[in-house]
Every structure is written in C-alpha cells, then in structure tokens.
Amino acid sequence: MKHLKTLGIAALILLLLFTACTPDTPPVDENQQQNEQNQNGDGSDSGDGNGETGDGQQSGGSETGDGSGQQSGDGSGSGDGQSQGSTYTGQTSVVTFAPEVANQGKTFSGLAPLPVIDYTIIDPANTRGLSTEKFGFSYGVAKNGEPHHITVNNQKRFDGFGTNALAWDNQTNKEEAKVLYLTFDCGYVYGTLTEDMLDILKEKQVPAAFFCTLDYLGDAPETVTRMITEGHIVGNHSTTHPSDSAAIGREKLGWELLGVENYLRANFGYSSKYFRFPTGAYSEDALDLVNSVGYRSVFWSIAHADWDPKNQPGVQKSFDTVTSRLHPGAVILLHSTSPDNAAILADFIDFARQQGYEFRSLDQYPGWN
C-alpha cells in the first residue's frame, strides 16, 4: 500500500512536469486560413486587390511586365543556381519542369525554340537562416510628385538585401530625367483589352512589361507573341499564382518560376528575367531564391483599384487617381483585365509626357546588379 502511494505521487509529479514543459498549441483557425487563401477575392488574378487602407497605404500583389522584347541564347533567366556573391557550398537540389509543347513543335513567335532547363536550388532547407518573415507588400499613396515614405523604405530594404529587387527607381537623378516604368499584370484573358492596350502602346511608342501566369501564356499565345515582337518584356508571374510565395519554400518557389520560364522557352523561343510575386507577398529568403536562379523581382509604387473588371472605379476617377500619384522613378502597376485602364491609357501617356516624364523599359533601370 505504501509502495502504491509512493508510485501515485511520482506519477502525479511526472504529469505536472510534462504539462509545464509542453508548449501551448492553439487550434487552427480554419476561417483565417481560408481568408488568407482567398485574399484575391473571387480567385481571379487580382494583383493588389487589398485596395487602400485607412492611412493611405495600399497593399497586395500585382502583375507587370518588363518590356525587354526578344531575349536570345540560353542564359537569360536560367541562372546557374548561385546567388551573386554567394559563397554557399552546402546542399543543393534540382527542380525540373517539362512544359507542354503547344504548337506542333513550332514556336508561336516564329523564333527558334530555346532548350528547357532545370534549376539548381541552393540551400533548399535554408540552413543559412535567411529571414522567412512575410512582408505583405504595401507602397503608400504618392502625392505632389514625391513617392510615399513606404515606397522609399521598400527600396531601402531591397537594396539592403542585395537581391535585385525594384519598387522605385532611386538611382536615376530626377533633375536629369523623370522616368516611369509601365507594367501590366496578366493573370487571365478578359476580352480584347490587352490587345487594345498593345495598340495604344504601339501608336505611342511606349515600352512596357507584361507579367504573365502560365495560364495566360497558354490561353493567349497570339497576344504574347505581339508583346515579344513589338519590343515589350514578358515577365514571369508564376505557374499557379500562389497566394503566399513567402511560405511555400525555396524548391516550390523555384518550380513556380521554372514552369513559366520553360513554357516561354519551348513555345516562344523567349527567356524572361523579371518576376513579380503574386499578391506581392515576399520574404528575404524568397527574394534570395528568385535572385539565385537569375531573375529580378519587380514590385511597384503606383497602382489603383483596377483588378476587378466588373467593379471598376470609373474612367475619370481612374485617370485622376493614377495621374495624381505620378512621381519620378515610379513603377506603375496596371491590370490588363481593366476596362478603365484601356480607356485611359492613351490620355494617361499624353498627360505624363506633358508633365515631363519619359517611359523607359525595365532593362534601362540602372540599379540592377
């Protein structure tokens, strides 16, 4: 009896010690998970669809292009698995993606197909401990020809990371040139709006960048061919448009880039070198991965609530919003699914030029490493 009592006391002590040493694990909030997964509203490619918040800040992710036109050879965007300046010599892994060849072995653009590639992912488990803290991209509302301080701080952070990321051109002296970079997000096809905007860009001789998802490339090959042959950049906006690229890990993010890259190579004879994070969500680790496979990350400093084609602000409001936010060095995000954008584009270009601005290709940004 005495032994049983002693055993009972010992068991109680062990139970108390186990309880004290076990961390609390809160239950998963399924509604919160669903909200995060559905941050783009109805599942469409909504870009910066979180709109404006109370302090004049805007957040979210968008799609743009980089205006480079044809890129030849087999090196652009392919990378060799090494970050610039990286001395990492540890574990690597290989990511592959075999694209569909959609045009009976011929490219839609008429260019010679480029060989598909694999990505060597350095440090796939992030043993270096790069920060995985998620930044939900915000840029603030520019006023009086000056970028918002959020935009200024965004670029300072990117420059500090040293990972080839652009939100605002702080390198070009605005006394010498008031430059703008025009970019479009192309998540899905909506009528002929993209073709209409390409017509305007051709007439006005303005370079632009079009960030395309894999679905868009497959659904609009003739339009993508126009982007390439008319001298614009076709950017990479991911294979599946994940809602949180900061959380999916280095190998999965590499696969997201490679799907678009290899489809462009096989079906258009084109290699991209610019990437836009879906929804804008990123981390230092994610930026490092993008840079390590030879891509440059492009964010933005001007956008407006244009992502839903069935809920547009109105032509005049859209024009007034975008023009009021102009500032030297701005990276402008417009969605190709916006009827308002198609309606204001020509007048917007004319207005910007009247204010002394000039439109440049992302290739002309002097801050790339």
Protein backbone atom coordinates (compact mmCIF):
# COMPACT_ATOMS: atom_id res chain seq x y z
CA MET A 1 0.00 0.00 0.00
CA LYS A 2 2.87 2.27 0.93
CA HIS A 3 4.55 1.47 -2.42
CA LEU A 4 1.35 2.24 -4.35
CA LYS A 5 1.03 5.58 -2.60
CA THR A 6 4.66 6.40 -3.47
CA LEU A 7 4.10 5.42 -7.13
CA GLY A 8 0.98 7.56 -7.27
CA ILE A 9 2.81 10.61 -6.01
CA ALA A 10 5.64 10.00 -8.51
CA ALA A 11 3.18 9.72 -11.40
CA LEU A 12 1.50 12.96 -10.37
CA ILE A 13 4.83 14.76 -10.28
CA LEU A 14 5.72 13.46 -13.78
CA LEU A 15 2.36 14.59 -15.12
CA LEU A 16 2.82 18.08 -13.71
CA LEU A 17 6.33 18.31 -15.15
CA PHE A 18 5.12 17.17 -18.62
CA THR A 19 2.29 19.71 -18.60
CA ALA A 20 4.62 22.54 -17.60
CA CYS A 21 7.12 21.68 -20.34
CA THR A 22 4.64 21.23 -23.16
CA PRO A 23 4.08 24.45 -25.22
CA ASP A 24 0.54 25.61 -25.83
CA THR A 25 -0.55 24.88 -29.40
CA PRO A 26 -3.56 26.98 -30.35
CA PRO A 27 -6.19 25.39 -32.56
CA VAL A 28 -6.03 26.15 -36.27
CA ASP A 29 -8.44 28.87 -37.27
CA GLU A 30 -9.87 27.40 -40.47
CA ASN A 31 -11.68 30.64 -41.31
CA GLN A 32 -8.43 32.58 -41.07
CA GLN A 33 -6.71 30.03 -43.30
CA GLN A 34 -9.49 30.36 -45.84
CA ASN A 35 -9.31 34.17 -45.68
CA GLU A 36 -5.58 34.05 -46.40
CA GLN A 37 -6.08 31.62 -49.26
CA ASN A 38 -8.84 33.77 -50.74
CA GLN A 39 -7.16 37.15 -50.34
CA ASN A 40 -7.68 37.72 -54.07
CA GLY A 41 -11.45 37.78 -53.66
CA ASP A 42 -13.13 35.51 -56.18
CA GLY A 43 -9.97 33.64 -57.05
CA SER A 44 -9.13 35.76 -60.06
CA ASP A 45 -5.67 37.19 -60.62
CA SER A 46 -6.37 40.26 -58.59
CA GLY A 47 -2.94 41.77 -58.13
CA ASP A 48 -3.01 44.43 -55.45
CA GLY A 49 -6.61 43.66 -54.60
CA ASN A 50 -6.43 44.66 -50.96
CA GLY A 51 -7.06 48.23 -52.01
CA GLU A 52 -6.35 51.29 -49.91
CA THR A 53 -6.21 51.17 -46.15
CA GLY A 54 -7.05 53.91 -43.73
CA ASP A 55 -3.61 55.52 -43.68
CA GLY A 56 -3.48 55.91 -47.44
CA GLN A 57 -1.40 52.79 -47.80
CA GLN A 58 -2.10 50.24 -50.48
CA SER A 59 -1.11 46.64 -50.36
CA GLY A 60 -1.32 43.42 -52.27
CA GLY A 61 0.25 41.85 -55.33
CA SER A 62 0.11 42.73 -58.94
CA GLU A 63 1.30 41.70 -62.35
CA THR A 64 3.54 43.67 -64.63
CA GLY A 65 5.98 43.05 -67.42
CA ASP A 66 9.50 44.16 -68.09
CA GLY A 67 9.47 45.34 -71.68
CA SER A 68 12.65 43.71 -72.87
CA GLY A 69 11.42 42.13 -76.08
CA GLN A 70 13.18 39.13 -77.56
CA GLN A 71 15.86 37.54 -75.48
CA SER A 72 18.09 35.01 -77.16
CA GLY A 73 20.63 32.45 -76.11
CA ASP A 74 20.18 30.02 -73.26
CA GLY A 75 21.32 32.05 -70.29
CA SER A 76 18.81 34.81 -69.58
CA GLY A 77 16.71 33.92 -66.61
CA SER A 78 18.13 30.43 -66.36
CA GLY A 79 20.67 31.07 -63.65
CA ASP A 80 23.24 28.58 -62.52
CA GLY A 81 21.97 28.05 -59.01
CA GLN A 82 24.36 30.60 -57.49
CA SER A 83 23.37 33.91 -55.92
CA GLN A 84 25.50 36.88 -56.86
CA GLY A 85 28.35 36.98 -54.40
CA SER A 86 27.21 33.78 -52.68
CA THR A 87 29.87 31.54 -51.15
CA TYR A 88 27.42 28.82 -50.16
CA THR A 89 28.92 25.38 -50.76
CA GLY A 90 26.41 23.19 -48.95
CA GLN A 91 23.38 21.19 -50.05
CA THR A 92 21.62 21.80 -53.36
CA SER A 93 18.65 20.24 -55.10
CA VAL A 94 17.41 20.22 -58.68
CA VAL A 95 13.94 21.35 -59.80
CA THR A 96 12.58 20.26 -63.18
CA PHE A 97 9.53 21.21 -65.24
CA ALA A 98 8.65 19.66 -68.60
CA PRO A 99 6.40 22.16 -70.41
CA GLU A 100 3.63 21.34 -72.84
CA VAL A 101 4.74 21.97 -76.41
CA ALA A 102 1.56 23.51 -77.77
CA ASN A 103 2.16 24.34 -81.44
CA GLN A 104 3.29 21.08 -83.06
CA GLY A 105 6.88 21.72 -82.12
CA LYS A 106 6.95 25.24 -83.57
CA THR A 107 7.07 28.43 -81.56
CA PHE A 108 4.17 30.86 -81.75
CA SER A 109 6.61 33.74 -82.18
CA GLY A 110 8.49 32.20 -85.10
CA LEU A 111 11.73 32.34 -83.09
CA ALA A 112 13.85 29.25 -82.68
CA PRO A 113 12.84 27.33 -79.55
CA LEU A 114 15.22 27.55 -76.62
CA PRO A 115 16.21 24.41 -74.70
CA VAL A 116 14.28 23.79 -71.49
CA ILE A 117 16.37 23.99 -68.33
CA ASP A 118 16.46 22.79 -64.75
CA TYR A 119 17.05 24.97 -61.71
CA THR A 120 19.69 24.14 -59.15
CA ILE A 121 18.26 25.30 -55.83
CA ILE A 122 20.98 26.30 -53.40
CA ASP A 123 20.33 25.68 -49.70
CA PRO A 124 16.83 24.26 -50.24
CA ALA A 125 16.27 23.89 -46.49
CA ASN A 126 17.51 27.45 -45.80
CA THR A 127 20.22 26.31 -43.39
CA ARG A 128 21.76 29.79 -43.65
CA GLY A 129 18.79 31.10 -41.74
CA LEU A 130 17.67 33.82 -44.15
CA SER A 131 14.59 35.54 -42.79
CA THR A 132 11.29 33.95 -43.77
CA GLU A 133 9.29 36.80 -42.25
CA LYS A 134 6.44 37.59 -44.61
CA PHE A 135 6.11 41.10 -45.94
CA GLY A 136 2.67 41.81 -47.39
CA PHE A 137 3.65 44.42 -49.96
CA SER A 138 2.44 47.98 -49.36
CA TYR A 139 3.52 51.13 -51.15
CA GLY A 140 1.57 54.13 -49.88
CA VAL A 141 -0.11 56.83 -51.93
CA ALA A 142 2.34 59.21 -53.58
CA LYS A 143 1.45 62.90 -53.58
CA ASN A 144 2.84 66.12 -55.03
CA GLY A 145 5.31 64.34 -57.26
CA GLU A 146 7.04 62.52 -54.40
CA PRO A 147 6.96 58.81 -53.53
CA HIS A 148 5.32 57.80 -50.26
CA HIS A 149 7.75 57.06 -47.42
CA ILE A 150 6.59 53.42 -47.52
CA THR A 151 7.87 53.19 -51.11
CA VAL A 152 11.15 54.84 -50.13
CA ASN A 153 11.61 52.35 -47.28
CA ASN A 154 10.67 49.42 -49.53
CA GLN A 155 13.54 50.23 -51.87
CA LYS A 156 15.94 50.76 -48.95
CA ARG A 157 15.05 47.28 -47.69
CA PHE A 158 15.53 45.73 -51.13
CA ASP A 159 18.87 47.48 -51.60
CA GLY A 160 19.91 46.19 -48.18
CA PHE A 161 19.05 42.62 -49.15
CA GLY A 162 21.15 42.97 -52.31
CA THR A 163 18.81 40.70 -54.24
CA ASN A 164 17.96 42.65 -57.41
CA ALA A 165 14.50 43.92 -56.45
CA LEU A 166 12.81 47.11 -57.65
CA ALA A 167 9.86 49.05 -56.26
CA TRP A 168 11.01 52.57 -57.15
CA ASP A 169 13.95 53.91 -59.14
CA ASN A 170 16.03 55.82 -56.61
CA GLN A 171 19.10 55.69 -58.86
CA THR A 172 18.12 58.00 -61.71
CA ASN A 173 18.58 61.69 -60.89
CA LYS A 174 15.13 63.25 -61.27
CA GLU A 175 16.76 66.56 -62.22
CA GLU A 176 18.16 64.80 -65.28
CA ALA A 177 15.18 62.60 -66.18
CA LYS A 178 11.70 61.98 -64.77
CA VAL A 179 11.37 58.30 -65.63
CA LEU A 180 8.39 55.94 -65.42
CA TYR A 181 8.25 52.17 -65.82
CA LEU A 182 4.90 50.89 -67.12
CA THR A 183 3.96 47.35 -66.17
CA PHE A 184 0.87 45.17 -66.56
CA ASP A 185 -0.30 42.07 -64.73
CA CYS A 186 -1.78 39.40 -66.96
CA GLY A 187 -3.38 36.66 -64.91
CA TYR A 188 -6.16 35.67 -67.27
CA VAL A 189 -7.71 36.75 -70.55
CA TYR A 190 -10.59 39.22 -70.46
CA GLY A 191 -11.97 40.19 -73.85
CA THR A 192 -9.58 42.07 -76.13
CA LEU A 193 -8.39 44.59 -73.55
CA THR A 194 -4.73 43.58 -73.70
CA GLU A 195 -4.72 43.79 -77.49
CA ASP A 196 -6.37 47.22 -77.27
CA MET A 197 -3.66 48.42 -74.90
CA LEU A 198 -0.93 46.96 -77.12
CA ASP A 199 -2.37 49.00 -80.00
CA ILE A 200 -2.06 52.17 -77.91
CA LEU A 201 1.48 51.37 -76.77
CA LYS A 202 2.49 50.78 -80.38
CA GLU A 203 0.95 54.05 -81.51
CA LYS A 204 2.56 56.00 -78.65
CA GLN A 205 5.90 54.13 -78.87
CA VAL A 206 5.91 53.26 -75.17
CA PRO A 207 7.74 50.19 -73.82
CA ALA A 208 6.02 48.10 -71.19
CA ALA A 209 6.36 44.88 -69.25
CA PHE A 210 3.62 42.24 -69.09
CA PHE A 211 3.81 39.78 -66.18
CA CYS A 212 2.06 36.62 -67.27
CA THR A 213 0.94 33.48 -65.48
CA LEU A 214 1.29 30.08 -67.11
CA ASP A 215 -2.46 30.00 -67.76
CA TYR A 216 -2.26 33.32 -69.59
CA LEU A 217 0.59 32.13 -71.81
CA GLY A 218 -1.41 29.07 -72.79
CA ASP A 219 -4.67 30.94 -73.39
CA ALA A 220 -3.33 33.95 -75.33
CA PRO A 221 -0.33 32.87 -77.45
CA GLU A 222 -1.06 35.40 -80.21
CA THR A 223 -1.17 38.25 -77.71
CA VAL A 224 2.04 37.12 -76.03
CA THR A 225 3.67 36.92 -79.46
CA ARG A 226 2.70 40.56 -80.04
CA MET A 227 4.30 41.55 -76.73
CA ILE A 228 7.56 39.93 -77.81
CA THR A 229 7.66 41.06 -81.45
CA GLU A 230 6.63 44.64 -80.58
CA GLY A 231 9.54 45.02 -78.19
CA HIS A 232 7.91 44.63 -74.79
CA ILE A 233 9.09 42.48 -71.90
CA VAL A 234 7.18 39.34 -71.00
CA GLY A 235 7.65 38.86 -67.29
CA ASN A 236 7.10 35.81 -65.11
CA HIS A 237 4.10 35.88 -62.77
CA SER A 238 4.35 32.24 -61.62
CA THR A 239 2.91 28.90 -62.65
CA THR A 240 -0.04 28.67 -60.24
CA HIS A 241 -0.23 32.18 -58.69
CA PRO A 242 0.26 31.09 -55.04
CA SER A 243 -1.32 33.43 -52.51
CA ASP A 244 1.77 33.47 -50.28
CA SER A 245 5.08 32.93 -52.05
CA ALA A 246 6.92 33.65 -48.80
CA ALA A 247 5.56 30.47 -47.20
CA ILE A 248 5.99 27.79 -49.87
CA GLY A 249 9.72 27.17 -49.54
CA ARG A 250 12.66 27.53 -51.89
CA GLU A 251 12.10 24.42 -54.03
CA LYS A 252 8.39 25.11 -54.61
CA LEU A 253 9.06 28.77 -55.44
CA GLY A 254 11.77 27.70 -57.88
CA TRP A 255 9.26 25.36 -59.52
CA GLU A 256 6.75 28.25 -59.78
CA LEU A 257 9.28 30.28 -61.77
CA LEU A 258 10.53 27.39 -63.85
CA GLY A 259 7.10 26.46 -65.20
CA VAL A 260 6.67 29.84 -66.90
CA GLU A 261 10.33 30.04 -67.93
CA ASN A 262 10.32 26.68 -69.69
CA TYR A 263 6.95 27.28 -71.35
CA LEU A 264 8.29 30.54 -72.80
CA ARG A 265 11.43 28.79 -73.98
CA ALA A 266 9.69 25.87 -75.67
CA ASN A 267 6.72 27.73 -77.15
CA PHE A 268 8.01 31.26 -77.83
CA GLY A 269 11.81 30.93 -78.08
CA TYR A 270 11.97 33.52 -75.29
CA SER A 271 13.65 33.67 -71.90
CA SER A 272 12.45 36.06 -69.23
CA LYS A 273 14.44 37.66 -66.42
CA TYR A 274 11.83 39.58 -64.44
CA PHE A 275 9.47 38.16 -61.81
CA ARG A 276 6.52 39.64 -59.97
CA PHE A 277 5.45 37.98 -56.76
CA PRO A 278 1.74 37.04 -56.84
CA THR A 279 -0.12 39.31 -54.35
CA GLY A 280 3.24 40.96 -53.62
CA ALA A 281 3.91 38.77 -50.56
CA TYR A 282 7.64 38.07 -50.16
CA SER A 283 10.42 37.38 -47.66
CA GLU A 284 14.18 37.85 -47.70
CA ASP A 285 14.55 34.11 -48.30
CA ALA A 286 12.10 34.22 -51.23
CA LEU A 287 13.89 37.20 -52.79
CA ASP A 288 17.20 35.38 -52.46
CA LEU A 289 15.80 32.32 -54.25
CA VAL A 290 14.45 34.42 -57.14
CA ASN A 291 17.80 36.15 -57.50
CA SER A 292 19.75 32.88 -57.28
CA VAL A 293 18.07 31.47 -60.40
CA GLY A 294 18.82 34.59 -62.44
CA TYR A 295 15.62 36.60 -62.02
CA ARG A 296 14.99 40.17 -60.91
CA SER A 297 11.98 40.94 -58.70
CA VAL A 298 9.72 43.82 -59.75
CA PHE A 299 7.21 45.41 -57.37
CA TRP A 300 5.55 48.82 -57.82
CA SER A 301 5.00 52.30 -56.36
CA ILE A 302 1.76 53.26 -58.15
CA ALA A 303 -1.43 51.24 -58.58
CA HIS A 304 -5.16 51.66 -58.18
CA ALA A 305 -8.27 49.54 -57.61
CA ASP A 306 -8.45 48.19 -61.15
CA TRP A 307 -8.27 44.41 -60.73
CA ASP A 308 -11.96 43.50 -60.92
CA PRO A 309 -13.27 44.10 -64.47
CA LYS A 310 -16.86 44.06 -63.22
CA ASN A 311 -16.28 46.62 -60.47
CA GLN A 312 -14.28 49.47 -61.96
CA PRO A 313 -13.80 52.87 -60.29
CA GLY A 314 -14.90 54.74 -63.43
CA VAL A 315 -12.84 56.22 -66.23
CA GLN A 316 -12.43 59.72 -64.81
CA LYS A 317 -11.65 58.52 -61.30
CA SER A 318 -9.13 56.02 -62.61
CA PHE A 319 -7.40 58.71 -64.67
CA ASP A 320 -7.35 61.18 -61.77
CA THR A 321 -6.06 58.56 -59.32
CA VAL A 322 -3.17 57.37 -61.44
CA THR A 323 -2.08 60.82 -62.64
CA SER A 324 -2.22 62.30 -59.12
CA ARG A 325 0.24 59.65 -57.91
CA LEU A 326 2.92 60.20 -60.53
CA HIS A 327 6.45 60.68 -59.22
CA PRO A 328 9.89 60.32 -60.79
CA GLY A 329 11.15 56.75 -60.79
CA ALA A 330 7.68 55.26 -60.40
CA VAL A 331 6.94 51.64 -61.26
CA ILE A 332 3.30 51.65 -62.38
CA LEU A 333 1.13 48.57 -61.99
CA LEU A 334 -1.97 48.25 -64.16
CA HIS A 335 -4.08 45.15 -64.69
CA SER A 336 -4.73 44.01 -68.23
CA THR A 337 -8.29 42.99 -67.27
CA SER A 338 -9.37 46.58 -66.55
CA PRO A 339 -11.71 48.34 -69.00
CA ASP A 340 -10.86 51.62 -67.26
CA ASN A 341 -7.15 51.13 -67.95
CA ALA A 342 -7.81 50.53 -71.63
CA ALA A 343 -9.95 53.66 -71.74
CA ILE A 344 -7.45 55.98 -70.03
CA LEU A 345 -4.14 54.61 -71.32
CA ALA A 346 -3.66 56.94 -74.30
CA ASP A 347 -4.64 60.05 -72.34
CA PHE A 348 -2.52 58.95 -69.40
CA ILE A 349 0.57 58.59 -71.61
CA ASP A 350 -0.04 62.01 -73.15
CA PHE A 351 -0.55 63.61 -69.72
CA ALA A 352 2.61 62.08 -68.28
CA ARG A 353 4.68 63.29 -71.20
CA GLN A 354 3.22 66.77 -70.89
CA GLN A 355 4.45 66.78 -67.29
CA GLY A 356 7.97 66.00 -68.47
CA TYR A 357 8.00 62.26 -67.80
CA GLU A 358 9.54 59.68 -70.09
CA PHE A 359 8.68 55.98 -70.25
CA ARG A 360 11.56 53.53 -70.04
CA SER A 361 11.96 49.77 -70.20
CA LEU A 362 12.86 47.90 -67.03
CA ASP A 363 16.05 46.96 -68.84
CA GLN A 364 17.10 50.62 -68.52
CA TYR A 365 16.90 50.73 -64.72
CA PRO A 366 20.50 51.49 -63.63
CA GLY A 367 20.30 49.72 -60.28
CA TRP A 368 20.37 46.10 -61.43
CA ASN A 369 23.33 44.06 -60.22
